[in-house]
Protein backbone atom coordinates (compact mmCIF):
# COMPACT_ATOMS: atom_id res chain seq x y z
CA GLN A 1 11.93 -30.01 -31.46
CA VAL A 2 9.89 -27.68 -29.30
CA GLN A 3 11.85 -24.83 -27.73
CA LEU A 4 10.54 -22.80 -24.83
CA VAL A 5 12.94 -20.33 -23.27
CA GLU A 6 11.92 -18.44 -20.16
CA SER A 7 13.33 -15.11 -19.07
CA GLY A 8 12.55 -12.44 -16.50
CA GLY A 9 12.81 -14.30 -13.23
CA GLY A 10 14.76 -12.91 -10.29
CA SER A 11 14.37 -11.57 -6.77
CA VAL A 12 11.76 -9.07 -5.67
CA GLN A 13 10.49 -7.68 -2.40
CA ALA A 14 7.13 -8.86 -1.15
CA GLY A 15 4.40 -6.73 -2.68
CA GLY A 16 6.43 -6.17 -5.84
CA ALA A 17 5.98 -7.32 -9.41
CA LEU A 18 7.84 -9.30 -12.06
CA ASN A 19 7.25 -9.85 -15.75
CA MET A 20 8.37 -13.08 -17.35
CA SER A 21 8.54 -14.06 -21.01
CA CYS A 22 8.65 -17.31 -22.92
CA ALA A 23 10.25 -17.30 -26.35
CA THR A 24 9.15 -20.03 -28.70
CA SER A 25 8.42 -20.70 -32.36
CA ALA A 26 5.59 -19.43 -34.55
CA ASN A 27 3.77 -22.75 -34.85
CA ILE A 28 3.84 -23.30 -31.09
CA ILE A 29 2.48 -19.88 -30.18
CA ARG A 30 -0.15 -20.25 -32.91
CA ASP A 31 -1.31 -23.83 -32.42
CA CYS A 32 -0.67 -24.80 -28.81
CA ARG A 33 -2.16 -23.94 -25.46
CA MET A 34 0.37 -21.99 -23.41
CA SER A 35 0.70 -22.35 -19.64
CA TRP A 36 2.91 -21.40 -16.74
CA TYR A 37 3.70 -23.87 -14.01
CA ARG A 38 5.71 -23.44 -10.85
CA GLN A 39 7.49 -25.69 -8.41
CA ALA A 40 8.34 -24.50 -4.93
CA PRO A 41 11.04 -26.23 -2.86
CA GLY A 42 9.75 -29.53 -1.50
CA LYS A 43 6.47 -29.28 -3.40
CA GLU A 44 5.04 -30.72 -6.58
CA ARG A 45 4.86 -28.73 -9.78
CA GLU A 46 1.55 -26.93 -10.11
CA ARG A 47 -0.12 -25.15 -13.00
CA VAL A 48 -0.80 -21.49 -12.28
CA SER A 49 -2.13 -20.12 -15.55
CA THR A 50 -3.15 -21.14 -19.07
CA ILE A 51 -4.18 -19.30 -22.19
CA GLY A 52 -5.90 -21.03 -25.08
CA ASN A 53 -5.70 -20.35 -28.80
CA ASP A 54 -8.90 -18.34 -28.41
CA GLY A 55 -7.27 -16.07 -25.85
CA VAL A 56 -9.36 -17.35 -22.96
CA ALA A 57 -7.29 -17.53 -19.78
CA TRP A 58 -7.49 -19.72 -16.69
CA TYR A 59 -5.80 -19.03 -13.35
CA GLY A 60 -5.20 -21.06 -10.24
CA ASP A 61 -7.00 -19.86 -7.13
CA SER A 62 -3.79 -18.75 -5.45
CA VAL A 63 -2.86 -16.34 -8.26
CA GLN A 64 -6.28 -15.23 -9.52
CA GLY A 65 -6.38 -11.45 -9.73
CA ARG A 66 -2.60 -11.05 -9.34
CA PHE A 67 -1.13 -12.84 -12.38
CA THR A 68 -1.88 -12.19 -16.06
CA ILE A 69 -0.99 -14.54 -18.90
CA SER A 70 -0.87 -13.40 -22.51
CA ARG A 71 0.57 -14.40 -25.87
CA ASP A 72 2.09 -12.35 -28.67
CA PRO A 73 1.85 -14.24 -31.98
CA ILE A 74 3.81 -11.53 -33.78
CA LYS A 75 6.87 -11.89 -31.56
CA ASN A 76 6.31 -15.63 -30.90
CA THR A 77 6.41 -14.92 -27.19
CA GLY A 78 4.27 -15.70 -24.21
CA HIS A 79 4.12 -13.33 -21.24
CA HIS A 80 3.39 -13.74 -17.56
CA GLN A 81 2.89 -10.63 -15.47
CA MET A 82 2.94 -11.13 -11.73
CA ARG A 83 2.08 -8.50 -9.13
CA GLU A 84 1.42 -8.32 -5.39
CA LEU A 85 3.95 -11.08 -4.97
CA HIS A 86 4.37 -12.73 -1.60
CA THR A 87 6.83 -15.27 -0.21
CA GLY A 88 4.47 -18.11 -1.13
CA ASP A 89 5.09 -17.30 -4.80
CA THR A 90 8.76 -18.25 -4.49
CA ALA A 91 9.38 -21.08 -6.96
CA VAL A 92 10.94 -22.08 -10.23
CA TYR A 93 8.52 -21.03 -12.96
CA TYR A 94 8.19 -23.04 -16.16
CA CYS A 95 6.67 -22.09 -19.48
CA ALA A 96 4.73 -24.94 -21.07
CA ALA A 97 3.05 -25.67 -24.36
CA THR A 98 0.32 -28.29 -24.74
CA CYS A 99 -0.01 -29.34 -28.34
CA ILE A 100 -2.36 -31.72 -30.12
CA PHE A 101 -0.87 -33.88 -32.87
CA GLY A 102 -3.64 -35.94 -34.43
CA PHE A 103 -4.96 -38.03 -31.54
CA GLN A 104 -2.03 -37.31 -29.25
CA THR A 105 -1.72 -34.50 -26.73
CA LYS A 106 1.73 -33.64 -25.47
CA THR A 107 3.01 -31.01 -23.05
CA TYR A 108 6.47 -29.53 -23.40
CA PHE A 109 8.31 -27.57 -20.70
CA GLY A 110 11.07 -24.97 -20.73
CA ARG A 111 14.01 -25.20 -18.36
CA GLY A 112 12.50 -22.80 -15.89
CA THR A 113 13.39 -19.49 -14.30
CA LYS A 114 13.70 -18.89 -10.58
CA VAL A 115 11.58 -16.35 -8.74
CA THR A 116 12.43 -15.43 -5.16
CA VAL A 117 10.13 -13.17 -3.17
CA LEU A 118 11.86 -11.60 -0.18
CA SER A 119 10.00 -10.75 3.01
């Protein structure tokens, strides 16, 4: 069973920063593509960042230049640094792992951690 456990959410003033982590297992951090999604109240879940096994990162337009995704294969942890936060970043943030098993691709999600940006 794939376990993804987020930590580091909370409340922050607009313009501030938060660092989130995603604890998982060695095979997941090694073999799967790691992403962060978010879901704001009344909106659909959206992907905000992804990092591949090769370390290449992708970011959504709304967070480009403000968020940084990384992975630590020694500690089996993914990281998500967020800065210059604004109220539009308020959401529940989910760590995700997209893994390929033979011909199947499956995405697993953590339970999420809430981020509230105060104006």
